[in-house]
């Protein structure tokens, strides 16, 4: 299945893409479009694009919405969701202390001279490590 999101990936979009591949569709493909792209014109399933159903809702980031919509109830994923939300929305109250470090890593990935495919590859490895941390392993 093809999923489409905004280019210049950052924490929420990387974590959401990671969860899609890890828990929903291991063969998922991703396309990255400009921020100004109209969601109605993108092929595939859009996420974290203005107008997409799979995006921020209320105080929840896209990653948390994905977990809820697909009934991914793993406690480690829920903990990871809090960290991702805190990193993605640093002005929100109640972020876990890990969110600051996670945001710094993903800021570096966003700002590095990398393609979005490379950001996703590296960011996914980081999400694997965060998931292990949140699992208590």
Protein backbone atom coordinates (compact mmCIF):
# COMPACT_ATOMS: atom_id res chain seq x y z
CA UNK A 1 0.00 0.00 0.00
CA UNK A 2 1.16 3.55 -0.70
CA UNK A 3 1.12 6.14 2.08
CA UNK A 4 1.72 9.83 1.43
CA UNK A 5 2.96 12.50 3.80
CA UNK A 6 4.72 15.85 3.77
CA UNK A 7 8.36 16.06 2.80
CA UNK A 8 11.17 16.94 5.25
CA UNK A 9 10.11 14.23 7.67
CA UNK A 10 10.17 14.96 11.36
CA UNK A 11 9.36 13.02 14.53
CA UNK A 12 5.60 12.39 14.20
CA UNK A 13 5.70 11.49 10.51
CA UNK A 14 8.71 9.22 10.96
CA UNK A 15 7.19 7.48 13.99
CA UNK A 16 3.87 7.04 12.17
CA UNK A 17 5.56 5.60 9.07
CA UNK A 18 7.61 3.30 11.32
CA UNK A 19 4.45 2.03 13.06
CA UNK A 20 2.69 1.49 9.72
CA UNK A 21 5.56 -0.69 8.49
CA UNK A 22 6.18 -2.44 11.79
CA UNK A 23 2.60 -3.23 12.83
CA UNK A 24 0.26 -2.78 9.86
CA UNK A 25 1.94 -3.27 6.48
CA UNK A 26 5.57 -4.44 6.30
CA UNK A 27 5.55 -3.78 2.54
CA UNK A 28 4.21 -0.22 2.86
CA UNK A 29 5.68 2.33 0.47
CA UNK A 30 5.90 6.05 1.20
CA UNK A 31 5.78 9.14 -0.98
CA UNK A 32 6.71 12.62 0.21
CA UNK A 33 4.97 15.70 -1.16
CA UNK A 34 5.32 19.46 -0.62
CA UNK A 35 3.49 20.98 2.35
CA UNK A 36 1.26 22.89 -0.07
CA UNK A 37 -0.03 19.76 -1.83
CA UNK A 38 -3.82 19.32 -1.65
CA UNK A 39 -4.66 16.05 0.11
CA UNK A 40 -7.35 15.33 -2.51
CA UNK A 41 -4.70 15.16 -5.25
CA UNK A 42 -2.35 12.67 -3.64
CA UNK A 43 -2.47 8.99 -4.57
CA UNK A 44 -2.54 6.47 -1.76
CA UNK A 45 -3.38 7.00 1.89
CA UNK A 46 -2.39 10.44 3.20
CA UNK A 47 -1.22 11.03 6.76
CA UNK A 48 -0.14 14.13 8.66
CA UNK A 49 -1.13 16.36 5.73
CA UNK A 50 -3.68 19.14 6.12
CA UNK A 51 -7.08 17.62 5.44
CA UNK A 52 -6.05 13.99 5.99
CA UNK A 53 -8.18 11.86 8.27
CA UNK A 54 -5.03 10.32 9.74
CA UNK A 55 -3.50 13.41 11.32
CA UNK A 56 -3.51 15.35 14.59
CA UNK A 57 -6.83 15.23 16.47
CA UNK A 58 -7.26 17.36 19.54
CA UNK A 59 -4.14 17.05 21.69
CA UNK A 60 -3.10 13.76 20.04
CA UNK A 61 -0.40 13.59 17.38
CA UNK A 62 -0.75 11.48 14.24
CA UNK A 63 1.17 8.57 15.79
CA UNK A 64 -1.33 8.37 18.67
CA UNK A 65 -4.28 8.63 16.28
CA UNK A 66 -2.85 5.73 14.25
CA UNK A 67 -2.54 3.61 17.41
CA UNK A 68 -6.14 4.34 18.36
CA UNK A 69 -7.63 3.82 14.89
CA UNK A 70 -5.92 0.47 14.44
CA UNK A 71 -6.39 -0.67 18.03
CA UNK A 72 -2.68 -1.03 18.69
CA UNK A 73 -2.90 -1.28 22.47
CA UNK A 74 0.62 -2.37 23.35
CA UNK A 75 1.65 -0.49 26.52
CA UNK A 76 5.11 0.19 25.05
CA UNK A 77 3.47 1.83 22.02
CA UNK A 78 1.30 3.96 24.28
CA UNK A 79 4.40 5.08 26.21
CA UNK A 80 6.19 5.75 22.92
CA UNK A 81 3.17 7.79 21.82
CA UNK A 82 3.54 10.09 24.82
CA UNK A 83 7.23 10.59 24.02
CA UNK A 84 6.50 11.26 20.34
CA UNK A 85 3.73 13.75 21.22
CA UNK A 86 6.04 15.55 23.63
CA UNK A 87 8.78 15.73 20.98
CA UNK A 88 6.37 16.80 18.24
CA UNK A 89 4.47 19.33 20.34
CA UNK A 90 7.06 20.65 22.80
CA UNK A 91 4.80 23.41 24.14
CA UNK A 92 2.25 20.89 25.45
CA UNK A 93 2.25 20.16 29.17
CA UNK A 94 3.10 16.77 30.62
CA UNK A 95 5.68 15.56 28.13
CA UNK A 96 7.94 12.78 29.42
CA UNK A 97 11.56 13.89 30.00
CA UNK A 98 12.72 11.65 27.12
CA UNK A 99 10.82 13.85 24.65
CA UNK A 100 13.50 16.57 24.70
CA UNK A 101 16.26 14.19 23.62
CA UNK A 102 14.06 12.54 21.02
CA UNK A 103 13.20 15.94 19.58
CA UNK A 104 16.90 16.84 19.37
CA UNK A 105 17.69 13.65 17.44
CA UNK A 106 14.80 14.16 15.02
CA UNK A 107 15.63 17.86 14.60
CA UNK A 108 19.09 16.75 13.51
CA UNK A 109 17.62 14.24 11.04
CA UNK A 110 15.29 16.89 9.62
CA UNK A 111 18.07 19.44 9.24
CA UNK A 112 20.70 17.07 7.84
CA UNK A 113 21.29 16.94 4.11
CA UNK A 114 19.41 13.65 3.72
CA UNK A 115 16.62 12.46 1.47
CA UNK A 116 13.29 11.70 3.10
CA UNK A 117 13.88 8.01 2.37
CA UNK A 118 17.16 8.21 4.33
CA UNK A 119 15.47 10.13 7.17
CA UNK A 120 12.85 7.40 7.34
CA UNK A 121 15.46 4.62 7.33
CA UNK A 122 17.53 6.17 10.11
CA UNK A 123 14.50 7.39 12.05
CA UNK A 124 12.93 3.93 11.89
CA UNK A 125 16.04 2.39 13.46
CA UNK A 126 15.78 5.02 16.19
CA UNK A 127 12.08 4.14 16.69
CA UNK A 128 13.04 0.47 17.04
CA UNK A 129 15.40 1.48 19.84
CA UNK A 130 12.76 3.69 21.50
CA UNK A 131 10.24 0.88 21.32
CA UNK A 132 12.71 -1.49 23.01
CA UNK A 133 13.31 1.18 25.70
CA UNK A 134 9.56 1.64 26.22
CA UNK A 135 9.14 -2.16 26.42
CA UNK A 136 11.59 -2.25 29.30
CA UNK A 137 13.95 -4.53 27.39
